[in-house]
PDB file of N, CA and C in Angstrom:
ATOM      1  N   MET A   1       0.825  -1.188   0.000  1.00  0.00           N
ATOM      2  CA  MET A   1       0.000   0.000   0.000  1.00  0.00           C
ATOM      3  C   MET A   1       0.867   1.248   0.000  1.00  0.00           C
ATOM      4  N   GLU A   2       1.952   1.221   0.752  1.00  0.00           N
ATOM      5  CA  GLU A   2       2.827   2.380   0.842  1.00  0.00           C
ATOM      6  C   GLU A   2       3.514   2.655  -0.495  1.00  0.00           C
ATOM      7  N   LYS A   3       3.877   1.590  -1.258  1.00  0.00           N
ATOM      8  CA  LYS A   3       4.508   1.767  -2.561  1.00  0.00           C
ATOM      9  C   LYS A   3       3.569   2.479  -3.541  1.00  0.00           C
ATOM     10  N   SER A   4       2.303   2.072  -3.556  1.00  0.00           N
ATOM     11  CA  SER A   4       1.362   2.691  -4.473  1.00  0.00           C
ATOM     12  C   SER A   4       1.099   4.152  -4.093  1.00  0.00           C
ATOM     13  N   PHE A   5       1.098   4.449  -2.808  1.00  0.00           N
ATOM     14  CA  PHE A   5       0.915   5.831  -2.370  1.00  0.00           C
ATOM     15  C   PHE A   5       2.096   6.682  -2.811  1.00  0.00           C
ATOM     16  N   LYS A   6       3.309   6.160  -2.645  1.00  0.00           N
ATOM     17  CA  LYS A   6       4.502   6.902  -3.065  1.00  0.00           C
ATOM     18  C   LYS A   6       4.514   7.098  -4.583  1.00  0.00           C
ATOM     19  N   ALA A   7       4.096   6.078  -5.305  1.00  0.00           N
ATOM     20  CA  ALA A   7       4.039   6.188  -6.766  1.00  0.00           C
ATOM     21  C   ALA A   7       3.021   7.240  -7.192  1.00  0.00           C
ATOM     22  N   ALA A   8       1.858   7.229  -6.556  1.00  0.00           N
ATOM     23  CA  ALA A   8       0.822   8.224  -6.877  1.00  0.00           C
ATOM     24  C   ALA A   8       1.304   9.624  -6.531  1.00  0.00           C
ATOM     25  N   LEU A   9       1.991   9.763  -5.411  1.00  0.00           N
ATOM     26  CA  LEU A   9       2.525  11.052  -5.002  1.00  0.00           C
ATOM     27  C   LEU A   9       3.578  11.538  -5.997  1.00  0.00           C
ATOM     28  N   ALA A  10       4.412  10.623  -6.464  1.00  0.00           N
ATOM     29  CA  ALA A  10       5.443  10.984  -7.447  1.00  0.00           C
ATOM     30  C   ALA A  10       4.811  11.440  -8.755  1.00  0.00           C
ATOM     31  N   VAL A  11       3.762  10.745  -9.196  1.00  0.00           N
ATOM     32  CA  VAL A  11       3.072  11.126 -10.433  1.00  0.00           C
ATOM     33  C   VAL A  11       2.431  12.501 -10.272  1.00  0.00           C
ATOM     34  N   CYS A  12       1.750  12.730  -9.163  1.00  0.00           N
ATOM     35  CA  CYS A  12       1.120  14.039  -8.921  1.00  0.00           C
ATOM     36  C   CYS A  12       2.176  15.136  -8.857  1.00  0.00           C
ATOM     37  N   GLY A  13       3.295  14.853  -8.219  1.00  0.00           N
ATOM     38  CA  GLY A  13       4.372  15.839  -8.149  1.00  0.00           C
ATOM     39  C   GLY A  13       4.930  16.148  -9.522  1.00  0.00           C
ATOM     40  N   SER A  14       5.079  15.119 -10.346  1.00  0.00           N
ATOM     41  CA  SER A  14       5.581  15.322 -11.710  1.00  0.00           C
ATOM     42  C   SER A  14       4.608  16.156 -12.525  1.00  0.00           C
ATOM     43  N   ILE A  15       3.335  15.862 -12.418  1.00  0.00           N
ATOM     44  CA  ILE A  15       2.319  16.624 -13.147  1.00  0.00           C
ATOM     45  C   ILE A  15       2.343  18.079 -12.693  1.00  0.00           C
ATOM     46  N   GLY A  16       2.455  18.298 -11.403  1.00  0.00           N
ATOM     47  CA  GLY A  16       2.507  19.663 -10.875  1.00  0.00           C
ATOM     48  C   GLY A  16       3.729  20.413 -11.371  1.00  0.00           C
ATOM     49  N   LEU A  17       4.869  19.727 -11.437  1.00  0.00           N
ATOM     50  CA  LEU A  17       6.098  20.354 -11.918  1.00  0.00           C
ATOM     51  C   LEU A  17       5.987  20.709 -13.397  1.00  0.00           C
ATOM     52  N   VAL A  18       5.456  19.799 -14.188  1.00  0.00           N
ATOM     53  CA  VAL A  18       5.275  20.070 -15.619  1.00  0.00           C
ATOM     54  C   VAL A  18       4.319  21.241 -15.818  1.00  0.00           C
ATOM     55  N   THR A  19       3.250  21.286 -15.041  1.00  0.00           N
ATOM     56  CA  THR A  19       2.298  22.391 -15.134  1.00  0.00           C
ATOM     57  C   THR A  19       2.962  23.709 -14.760  1.00  0.00           C
ATOM     58  N   LEU A  20       3.750  23.701 -13.711  1.00  0.00           N
ATOM     59  CA  LEU A  20       4.440  24.903 -13.265  1.00  0.00           C
ATOM     60  C   LEU A  20       5.426  25.377 -14.324  1.00  0.00           C
ATOM     61  N   ILE A  21       6.184  24.473 -14.894  1.00  0.00           N
ATOM     62  CA  ILE A  21       7.145  24.838 -15.935  1.00  0.00           C
ATOM     63  C   ILE A  21       6.409  25.358 -17.161  1.00  0.00           C
ATOM     64  N   GLY A  22       5.317  24.707 -17.536  1.00  0.00           N
ATOM     65  CA  GLY A  22       4.538  25.152 -18.687  1.00  0.00           C
ATOM     66  C   GLY A  22       3.994  26.547 -18.495  1.00  0.00           C
ATOM     67  N   CYS A  23       3.517  26.858 -17.310  1.00  0.00           N
ATOM     68  CA  CYS A  23       3.004  28.201 -17.031  1.00  0.00           C
ATOM     69  C   CYS A  23       4.124  29.221 -17.026  1.00  0.00           C
ATOM     70  N   ALA A  24       5.292  28.838 -16.547  1.00  0.00           N
ATOM     71  CA  ALA A  24       6.408  29.771 -16.491  1.00  0.00           C
ATOM     72  C   ALA A  24       6.908  30.126 -17.889  1.00  0.00           C
ATOM     73  N   THR A  25       6.794  29.198 -18.835  1.00  0.00           N
ATOM     74  CA  THR A  25       7.304  29.472 -20.172  1.00  0.00           C
ATOM     75  C   THR A  25       6.309  30.247 -21.028  1.00  0.00           C
ATOM     76  N   THR A  26       5.081  30.443 -20.566  1.00  0.00           N
ATOM     77  CA  THR A  26       4.112  31.186 -21.365  1.00  0.00           C
ATOM     78  C   THR A  26       4.249  32.686 -21.164  1.00  0.00           C
ATOM     79  N   ALA A  27       4.948  33.119 -20.134  1.00  0.00           N
ATOM     80  CA  ALA A  27       5.140  34.550 -19.902  1.00  0.00           C
ATOM     81  C   ALA A  27       6.103  35.094 -20.948  1.00  0.00           C
ATOM     82  N   ARG A  28       5.731  36.227 -21.534  1.00  0.00           N
ATOM     83  CA  ARG A  28       6.583  36.841 -22.550  1.00  0.00           C
ATOM     84  C   ARG A  28       7.518  37.844 -21.903  1.00  0.00           C
ATOM     85  N   THR A  29       8.737  37.902 -22.414  1.00  0.00           N
ATOM     86  CA  THR A  29       9.696  38.879 -21.922  1.00  0.00           C
ATOM     87  C   THR A  29       9.322  40.257 -22.450  1.00  0.00           C
ATOM     88  N   ALA A  30       9.932  41.282 -21.881  1.00  0.00           N
ATOM     89  CA  ALA A  30       9.692  42.650 -22.337  1.00  0.00           C
ATOM     90  C   ALA A  30      10.106  42.803 -23.801  1.00  0.00           C
ATOM     91  N   GLU A  31      11.170  42.123 -24.200  1.00  0.00           N
ATOM     92  CA  GLU A  31      11.624  42.190 -25.591  1.00  0.00           C
ATOM     93  C   GLU A  31      10.615  41.548 -26.534  1.00  0.00           C
ATOM     94  N   GLU A  32      10.042  40.401 -26.120  1.00  0.00           N
ATOM     95  CA  GLU A  32       9.019  39.744 -26.939  1.00  0.00           C
ATOM     96  C   GLU A  32       7.775  40.617 -27.061  1.00  0.00           C
ATOM     97  N   GLN A  33       7.376  41.229 -25.967  1.00  0.00           N
ATOM     98  CA  GLN A  33       6.209  42.103 -25.989  1.00  0.00           C
ATOM     99  C   GLN A  33       6.442  43.297 -26.911  1.00  0.00           C
ATOM    100  N   ALA A  34       7.639  43.877 -26.846  1.00  0.00           N
ATOM    101  CA  ALA A  34       7.960  45.017 -27.706  1.00  0.00           C
ATOM    102  C   ALA A  34       7.995  44.603 -29.173  1.00  0.00           C
ATOM    103  N   ALA A  35       8.586  43.430 -29.452  1.00  0.00           N
ATOM    104  CA  ALA A  35       8.641  42.940 -30.831  1.00  0.00           C
ATOM    105  C   ALA A  35       7.235  42.674 -31.358  1.00  0.00           C
ATOM    106  N   ASP A  36       6.383  42.079 -30.532  1.00  0.00           N
ATOM    107  CA  ASP A  36       5.005  41.805 -30.951  1.00  0.00           C
ATOM    108  C   ASP A  36       4.231  43.100 -31.180  1.00  0.00           C
ATOM    109  N   ALA A  37       4.436  44.100 -30.333  1.00  0.00           N
ATOM    110  CA  ALA A  37       3.761  45.385 -30.511  1.00  0.00           C
ATOM    111  C   ALA A  37       4.214  46.050 -31.809  1.00  0.00           C
ATOM    112  N   ASP A  38       5.500  45.922 -32.129  1.00  0.00           N
ATOM    113  CA  ASP A  38       6.027  46.488 -33.378  1.00  0.00           C
ATOM    114  C   ASP A  38       5.413  45.787 -34.581  1.00  0.00           C
ATOM    115  N   VAL A  39       5.366  44.458 -34.546  1.00  0.00           N
ATOM    116  CA  VAL A  39       4.764  43.700 -35.648  1.00  0.00           C
ATOM    117  C   VAL A  39       3.288  44.056 -35.781  1.00  0.00           C
ATOM    118  N   GLN A  40       2.583  44.158 -34.666  1.00  0.00           N
ATOM    119  CA  GLN A  40       1.159  44.509 -34.703  1.00  0.00           C
ATOM    120  C   GLN A  40       0.961  45.867 -35.372  1.00  0.00           C
ATOM    121  N   ALA A  41       1.765  46.850 -35.006  1.00  0.00           N
ATOM    122  CA  ALA A  41       1.638  48.186 -35.595  1.00  0.00           C
ATOM    123  C   ALA A  41       1.920  48.151 -37.099  1.00  0.00           C
ATOM    124  N   ARG A  42       2.920  47.358 -37.510  1.00  0.00           N
ATOM    125  CA  ARG A  42       3.244  47.286 -38.934  1.00  0.00           C
ATOM    126  C   ARG A  42       2.175  46.541 -39.727  1.00  0.00           C
ATOM    127  N   VAL A  43       1.570  45.513 -39.139  1.00  0.00           N
ATOM    128  CA  VAL A  43       0.475  44.807 -39.817  1.00  0.00           C
ATOM    129  C   VAL A  43      -0.725  45.735 -39.961  1.00  0.00           C
ATOM    130  N   GLU A  44      -1.074  46.444 -38.887  1.00  0.00           N
ATOM    131  CA  GLU A  44      -2.196  47.375 -38.960  1.00  0.00           C
ATOM    132  C   GLU A  44      -1.945  48.459 -40.009  1.00  0.00           C
ATOM    133  N   ALA A  45      -0.711  48.961 -40.088  1.00  0.00           N
ATOM    134  CA  ALA A  45      -0.373  49.974 -41.096  1.00  0.00           C
ATOM    135  C   ALA A  45      -0.497  49.401 -42.502  1.00  0.00           C
ATOM    136  N   ALA A  46      -0.060  48.158 -42.679  1.00  0.00           N
ATOM    137  CA  ALA A  46      -0.167  47.518 -43.995  1.00  0.00           C
ATOM    138  C   ALA A  46      -1.630  47.355 -44.408  1.00  0.00           C
ATOM    139  N   LEU A  47      -2.473  46.957 -43.476  1.00  0.00           N
ATOM    140  CA  LEU A  47      -3.893  46.797 -43.779  1.00  0.00           C
ATOM    141  C   LEU A  47      -4.545  48.143 -44.089  1.00  0.00           C
ATOM    142  N   ASN A  48      -4.209  49.152 -43.308  1.00  0.00           N
ATOM    143  CA  ASN A  48      -4.802  50.478 -43.517  1.00  0.00           C
ATOM    144  C   ASN A  48      -4.346  51.125 -44.814  1.00  0.00           C
ATOM    145  N   SER A  49      -3.168  50.758 -45.303  1.00  0.00           N
ATOM    146  CA  SER A  49      -2.665  51.369 -46.536  1.00  0.00           C
ATOM    147  C   SER A  49      -3.124  50.633 -47.792  1.00  0.00           C
ATOM    148  N   ASP A  50      -3.752  49.482 -47.638  1.00  0.00           N
ATOM    149  CA  ASP A  50      -4.233  48.707 -48.789  1.00  0.00           C
ATOM    150  C   ASP A  50      -5.649  49.184 -49.137  1.00  0.00           C
ATOM    151  N   SER A  51      -5.776  49.823 -50.291  1.00  0.00           N
ATOM    152  CA  SER A  51      -7.076  50.370 -50.692  1.00  0.00           C
ATOM    153  C   SER A  51      -8.103  49.282 -51.019  1.00  0.00           C
ATOM    154  N   ARG A  52      -7.650  48.040 -51.181  1.00  0.00           N
ATOM    155  CA  ARG A  52      -8.569  46.935 -51.477  1.00  0.00           C
ATOM    156  C   ARG A  52      -9.232  46.387 -50.220  1.00  0.00           C
ATOM    157  N   VAL A  53      -8.807  46.876 -49.048  1.00  0.00           N
ATOM    158  CA  VAL A  53      -9.243  46.327 -47.771  1.00  0.00           C
ATOM    159  C   VAL A  53      -9.903  47.426 -46.934  1.00  0.00           C
ATOM    160  N   TYR A  54     -11.046  47.098 -46.340  1.00  0.00           N
ATOM    161  CA  TYR A  54     -11.672  47.972 -45.353  1.00  0.00           C
ATOM    162  C   TYR A  54     -11.271  47.418 -43.991  1.00  0.00           C
ATOM    163  N   ALA A  55     -10.173  47.959 -43.453  1.00  0.00           N
ATOM    164  CA  ALA A  55      -9.521  47.358 -42.287  1.00  0.00           C
ATOM    165  C   ALA A  55     -10.123  47.793 -40.952  1.00  0.00           C
ATOM    166  N   ARG A  56     -11.095  48.666 -40.974  1.00  0.00           N
ATOM    167  CA  ARG A  56     -11.658  49.163 -39.723  1.00  0.00           C
ATOM    168  C   ARG A  56     -12.243  48.028 -38.869  1.00  0.00           C
ATOM    169  N   HIS A  57     -12.723  46.979 -39.496  1.00  0.00           N
ATOM    170  CA  HIS A  57     -13.360  45.876 -38.767  1.00  0.00           C
ATOM    171  C   HIS A  57     -12.439  44.669 -38.587  1.00  0.00           C
ATOM    172  N   VAL A  58     -11.152  44.853 -38.836  1.00  0.00           N
ATOM    173  CA  VAL A  58     -10.191  43.767 -38.678  1.00  0.00           C
ATOM    174  C   VAL A  58      -9.360  44.030 -37.426  1.00  0.00           C
ATOM    175  N   ASP A  59      -9.344  43.052 -36.526  1.00  0.00           N
ATOM    176  CA  ASP A  59      -8.561  43.139 -35.291  1.00  0.00           C
ATOM    177  C   ASP A  59      -7.257  42.386 -35.493  1.00  0.00           C
ATOM    178  N   VAL A  60      -6.173  42.955 -34.993  1.00  0.00           N
ATOM    179  CA  VAL A  60      -4.854  42.342 -35.126  1.00  0.00           C
ATOM    180  C   VAL A  60      -4.268  42.160 -33.734  1.00  0.00           C
ATOM    181  N   ASN A  61      -3.878  40.942 -33.422  1.00  0.00           N
ATOM    182  CA  ASN A  61      -3.163  40.630 -32.191  1.00  0.00           C
ATOM    183  C   ASN A  61      -1.962  39.776 -32.565  1.00  0.00           C
ATOM    184  N   VAL A  62      -0.863  39.946 -31.841  1.00  0.00           N
ATOM    185  CA  VAL A  62       0.361  39.212 -32.145  1.00  0.00           C
ATOM    186  C   VAL A  62       0.879  38.568 -30.867  1.00  0.00           C
ATOM    187  N   ASP A  63       1.271  37.310 -30.977  1.00  0.00           N
ATOM    188  CA  ASP A  63       1.869  36.584 -29.861  1.00  0.00           C
ATOM    189  C   ASP A  63       3.058  35.810 -30.387  1.00  0.00           C
ATOM    190  N   ARG A  64       4.253  36.277 -30.014  1.00  0.00           N
ATOM    191  CA  ARG A  64       5.508  35.637 -30.424  1.00  0.00           C
ATOM    192  C   ARG A  64       5.619  35.513 -31.949  1.00  0.00           C
ATOM    193  N   GLY A  65       5.217  36.553 -32.651  1.00  0.00           N
ATOM    194  CA  GLY A  65       5.345  36.584 -34.104  1.00  0.00           C
ATOM    195  C   GLY A  65       4.185  35.977 -34.866  1.00  0.00           C
ATOM    196  N   VAL A  66       3.252  35.353 -34.159  1.00  0.00           N
ATOM    197  CA  VAL A  66       2.069  34.795 -34.810  1.00  0.00           C
ATOM    198  C   VAL A  66       0.968  35.856 -34.788  1.00  0.00           C
ATOM    199  N   VAL A  67       0.479  36.206 -35.966  1.00  0.00           N
ATOM    200  CA  VAL A  67      -0.553  37.236 -36.089  1.00  0.00           C
ATOM    201  C   VAL A  67      -1.924  36.566 -36.053  1.00  0.00           C
ATOM    202  N   TYR A  68      -2.764  37.027 -35.154  1.00  0.00           N
ATOM    203  CA  TYR A  68      -4.138  36.538 -35.050  1.00  0.00           C
ATOM    204  C   TYR A  68      -5.057  37.622 -35.602  1.00  0.00           C
ATOM    205  N   LEU A  69      -5.720  37.313 -36.691  1.00  0.00           N
ATOM    206  CA  LEU A  69      -6.639  38.252 -37.325  1.00  0.00           C
ATOM    207  C   LEU A  69      -8.062  37.920 -36.903  1.00  0.00           C
ATOM    208  N   GLY A  70      -8.793  38.896 -36.433  1.00  0.00           N
ATOM    209  CA  GLY A  70     -10.181  38.712 -36.034  1.00  0.00           C
ATOM    210  C   GLY A  70     -11.055  39.771 -36.676  1.00  0.00           C
ATOM    211  N   GLY A  71     -12.305  39.789 -36.309  1.00  0.00           N
ATOM    212  CA  GLY A  71     -13.242  40.753 -36.873  1.00  0.00           C
ATOM    213  C   GLY A  71     -13.948  40.187 -38.078  1.00  0.00           C
ATOM    214  N   TYR A  72     -14.228  41.068 -39.065  1.00  0.00           N
ATOM    215  CA  TYR A  72     -14.924  40.587 -40.248  1.00  0.00           C
ATOM    216  C   TYR A  72     -14.579  41.426 -41.470  1.00  0.00           C
ATOM    217  N   VAL A  73     -14.756  40.798 -42.624  1.00  0.00           N
ATOM    218  CA  VAL A  73     -14.577  41.445 -43.924  1.00  0.00           C
ATOM    219  C   VAL A  73     -15.797  41.124 -44.769  1.00  0.00           C
ATOM    220  N   TRP A  74     -15.888  41.774 -45.942  1.00  0.00           N
ATOM    221  CA  TRP A  74     -17.097  41.681 -46.745  1.00  0.00           C
ATOM    222  C   TRP A  74     -17.024  40.688 -47.897  1.00  0.00           C
ATOM    223  N   SER A  75     -15.807  40.281 -48.303  1.00  0.00           N
ATOM    224  CA  SER A  75     -15.724  39.402 -49.478  1.00  0.00           C
ATOM    225  C   SER A  75     -14.560  38.425 -49.351  1.00  0.00           C
ATOM    226  N   ASP A  76     -14.622  37.369 -50.178  1.00  0.00           N
ATOM    227  CA  ASP A  76     -13.543  36.389 -50.215  1.00  0.00           C
ATOM    228  C   ASP A  76     -12.224  37.041 -50.621  1.00  0.00           C
ATOM    229  N   SER A  77     -12.295  37.933 -51.609  1.00  0.00           N
ATOM    230  CA  SER A  77     -11.061  38.578 -52.076  1.00  0.00           C
ATOM    231  C   SER A  77     -10.469  39.469 -50.989  1.00  0.00           C
ATOM    232  N   GLU A  78     -11.319  40.172 -50.264  1.00  0.00           N
ATOM    233  CA  GLU A  78     -10.822  41.015 -49.181  1.00  0.00           C
ATOM    234  C   GLU A  78     -10.156  40.161 -48.098  1.00  0.00           C
ATOM    235  N   LEU A  79     -10.706  39.008 -47.819  1.00  0.00           N
ATOM    236  CA  LEU A  79     -10.119  38.090 -46.851  1.00  0.00           C
ATOM    237  C   LEU A  79      -8.731  37.646 -47.314  1.00  0.00           C
ATOM    238  N   ARG A  80      -8.607  37.319 -48.596  1.00  0.00           N
ATOM    239  CA  ARG A  80      -7.290  36.920 -49.136  1.00  0.00           C
ATOM    240  C   ARG A  80      -6.291  38.068 -49.043  1.00  0.00           C
ATOM    241  N   PHE A  81      -6.732  39.290 -49.353  1.00  0.00           N
ATOM    242  CA  PHE A  81      -5.828  40.441 -49.279  1.00  0.00           C
ATOM    243  C   PHE A  81      -5.362  40.693 -47.852  1.00  0.00           C
ATOM    244  N   VAL A  82      -6.273  40.590 -46.892  1.00  0.00           N
ATOM    245  CA  VAL A  82      -5.930  40.819 -45.486  1.00  0.00           C
ATOM    246  C   VAL A  82      -4.878  39.811 -45.032  1.00  0.00           C
ATOM    247  N   LYS A  83      -5.096  38.534 -45.341  1.00  0.00           N
ATOM    248  CA  LYS A  83      -4.143  37.503 -44.941  1.00  0.00           C
ATOM    249  C   LYS A  83      -2.794  37.704 -45.624  1.00  0.00           C
ATOM    250  N   ALA A  84      -2.810  38.044 -46.908  1.00  0.00           N
ATOM    251  CA  ALA A  84      -1.563  38.254 -47.650  1.00  0.00           C
ATOM    252  C   ALA A  84      -0.816  39.480 -47.132  1.00  0.00           C
ATOM    253  N   ASP A  85      -1.537  40.558 -46.858  1.00  0.00           N
ATOM    254  CA  ASP A  85      -0.904  41.762 -46.319  1.00  0.00           C
ATOM    255  C   ASP A  85      -0.218  41.462 -44.990  1.00  0.00           C
ATOM    256  N   ALA A  86      -0.912  40.739 -44.114  1.00  0.00           N
ATOM    257  CA  ALA A  86      -0.342  40.416 -42.802  1.00  0.00           C
ATOM    258  C   ALA A  86       0.879  39.521 -42.949  1.00  0.00           C
ATOM    259  N   ALA A  87       0.796  38.521 -43.810  1.00  0.00           N
ATOM    260  CA  ALA A  87       1.901  37.574 -43.984  1.00  0.00           C
ATOM    261  C   ALA A  87       3.136  38.238 -44.578  1.00  0.00           C
ATOM    262  N   ALA A  88       2.954  39.316 -45.335  1.00  0.00           N
ATOM    263  CA  ALA A  88       4.067  39.984 -46.004  1.00  0.00           C
ATOM    264  C   ALA A  88       4.880  40.890 -45.079  1.00  0.00           C
ATOM    265  N   VAL A  89       4.397  41.138 -43.881  1.00  0.00           N
ATOM    266  CA  VAL A  89       5.096  42.037 -42.951  1.00  0.00           C
ATOM    267  C   VAL A  89       6.296  41.297 -42.356  1.00  0.00           C
ATOM    268  N   PRO A  90       7.476  41.909 -42.417  1.00  0.00           N
ATOM    269  CA  PRO A  90       8.655  41.278 -41.804  1.00  0.00           C
ATOM    270  C   PRO A  90       8.435  41.034 -40.312  1.00  0.00           C
ATOM    271  N   GLY A  91       8.843  39.877 -39.852  1.00  0.00           N
ATOM    272  CA  GLY A  91       8.675  39.510 -38.454  1.00  0.00           C
ATOM    273  C   GLY A  91       7.472  38.630 -38.186  1.00  0.00           C
ATOM    274  N   VAL A  92       6.588  38.503 -39.188  1.00  0.00           N
ATOM    275  CA  VAL A  92       5.413  37.644 -39.027  1.00  0.00           C
ATOM    276  C   VAL A  92       5.831  36.204 -39.310  1.00  0.00           C
ATOM    277  N   LEU A  93       5.632  35.333 -38.330  1.00  0.00           N
ATOM    278  CA  LEU A  93       5.982  33.922 -38.479  1.00  0.00           C
ATOM    279  C   LEU A  93       4.838  33.102 -39.055  1.00  0.00           C
ATOM    280  N   ALA A  94       3.610  33.487 -38.702  1.00  0.00           N
ATOM    281  CA  ALA A  94       2.421  32.779 -39.182  1.00  0.00           C
ATOM    282  C   ALA A  94       1.216  33.692 -39.020  1.00  0.00           C
ATOM    283  N   VAL A  95       0.166  33.382 -39.771  1.00  0.00           N
ATOM    284  CA  VAL A  95      -1.079  34.146 -39.678  1.00  0.00           C
ATOM    285  C   VAL A  95      -2.201  33.170 -39.337  1.00  0.00           C
ATOM    286  N   ALA A  96      -2.877  33.442 -38.231  1.00  0.00           N
ATOM    287  CA  ALA A  96      -4.026  32.640 -37.814  1.00  0.00           C
ATOM    288  C   ALA A  96      -5.280  33.434 -38.145  1.00  0.00           C
ATOM    289  N   ASN A  97      -6.080  32.878 -39.012  1.00  0.00           N
ATOM    290  CA  ASN A  97      -7.270  33.572 -39.487  1.00  0.00           C
ATOM    291  C   ASN A  97      -8.475  33.224 -38.621  1.00  0.00           C
ATOM    292  N   GLN A  98      -9.007  34.229 -37.952  1.00  0.00           N
ATOM    293  CA  GLN A  98     -10.229  34.072 -37.164  1.00  0.00           C
ATOM    294  C   GLN A  98     -11.270  35.088 -37.628  1.00  0.00           C
ATOM    295  N   ILE A  99     -11.115  35.545 -38.874  1.00  0.00           N
ATOM    296  CA  ILE A  99     -11.996  36.559 -39.444  1.00  0.00           C
ATOM    297  C   ILE A  99     -13.286  35.913 -39.930  1.00  0.00           C
ATOM    298  N   GLU A 100     -14.383  36.601 -39.707  1.00  0.00           N
ATOM    299  CA  GLU A 100     -15.669  36.151 -40.219  1.00  0.00           C
ATOM    300  C   GLU A 100     -15.945  36.845 -41.547  1.00  0.00           C
ATOM    301  N   LEU A 101     -16.525  36.116 -42.456  1.00  0.00           N
ATOM    302  CA  LEU A 101     -16.899  36.655 -43.757  1.00  0.00           C
ATOM    303  C   LEU A 101     -18.357  37.070 -43.698  1.00  0.00           C
ATOM    304  N   MET A 102     -18.606  38.366 -43.892  1.00  0.00           N
ATOM    305  CA  MET A 102     -19.971  38.905 -43.849  1.00  0.00           C
ATOM    306  C   MET A 102     -20.435  39.114 -45.271  1.00  0.00           C
ATOM    307  N   ARG A 103     -21.143  38.185 -45.791  1.00  0.00           N
ATOM    308  CA  ARG A 103     -21.632  38.296 -47.180  1.00  0.00           C
ATOM    309  C   ARG A 103     -22.644  39.419 -47.284  1.00  0.00           C
ATOM    310  N   GLY A 104     -22.644  40.078 -48.413  1.00  0.00           N
ATOM    311  CA  GLY A 104     -23.615  41.132 -48.661  1.00  0.00           C
ATOM    312  C   GLY A 104     -23.086  42.524 -48.375  1.00  0.00           C
ATOM    313  N   GLY A 105     -21.845  42.621 -47.937  1.00  0.00           N
ATOM    314  CA  GLY A 105     -21.244  43.933 -47.737  1.00  0.00           C
ATOM    315  C   GLY A 105     -21.818  44.684 -46.564  1.00  0.00           C
ATOM    316  N   MET A 106     -21.639  45.970 -46.599  1.00  0.00           N
ATOM    317  CA  MET A 106     -22.026  46.810 -45.467  1.00  0.00           C
ATOM    318  C   MET A 106     -23.535  46.915 -45.290  1.00  0.00           C
ATOM    319  N   SER A 107     -24.288  46.573 -46.319  1.00  0.00           N
ATOM    320  CA  SER A 107     -25.739  46.674 -46.188  1.00  0.00           C
ATOM    321  C   SER A 107     -26.295  45.599 -45.281  1.00  0.00           C
ATOM    322  N   GLY A 108     -25.506  44.528 -45.095  1.00  0.00           N
ATOM    323  CA  GLY A 108     -25.935  43.455 -44.205  1.00  0.00           C
ATOM    324  C   GLY A 108     -26.846  42.446 -44.852  1.00  0.00           C
ATOM    325  N   THR A 109     -27.136  42.603 -46.139  1.00  0.00           N
ATOM    326  CA  THR A 109     -27.977  41.618 -46.806  1.00  0.00           C
ATOM    327  C   THR A 109     -27.116  40.445 -47.239  1.00  0.00           C
ATOM    328  N   SER A 110     -27.605  39.267 -47.112  1.00  0.00           N
ATOM    329  CA  SER A 110     -26.823  38.103 -47.518  1.00  0.00           C
ATOM    330  C   SER A 110     -27.299  37.595 -48.869  1.00  0.00           C
ATOM    331  N   ARG A 111     -26.400  36.887 -49.520  1.00  0.00           N
ATOM    332  CA  ARG A 111     -26.692  36.334 -50.841  1.00  0.00           C
ATOM    333  C   ARG A 111     -27.013  34.875 -50.756  1.00  0.00           C
TER     334      ARG A 111
END
């Protein structure tokens, strides 16, 4: 009985240690935060300067060089332009698309 208790305690301790280490590695350094803020600003500038894109409804977040795009756009082509613009910014490692496609444009009517 004592062996199984020690084994269970060792497993729980290992799980706790792995969890603690995993949580410790998710914190970003000041340099990572600054780099992500710089990439975010450059992606937003790229979207705002593209006349093919209505970027007001596109949200940009960056975590360790991965750009997360949210919000919504009006067409398939606009979605492709937004993703391509974001991917073309130096420092972007990947683009995660979480944008919703709102068919029918600004009028809100769907096709």
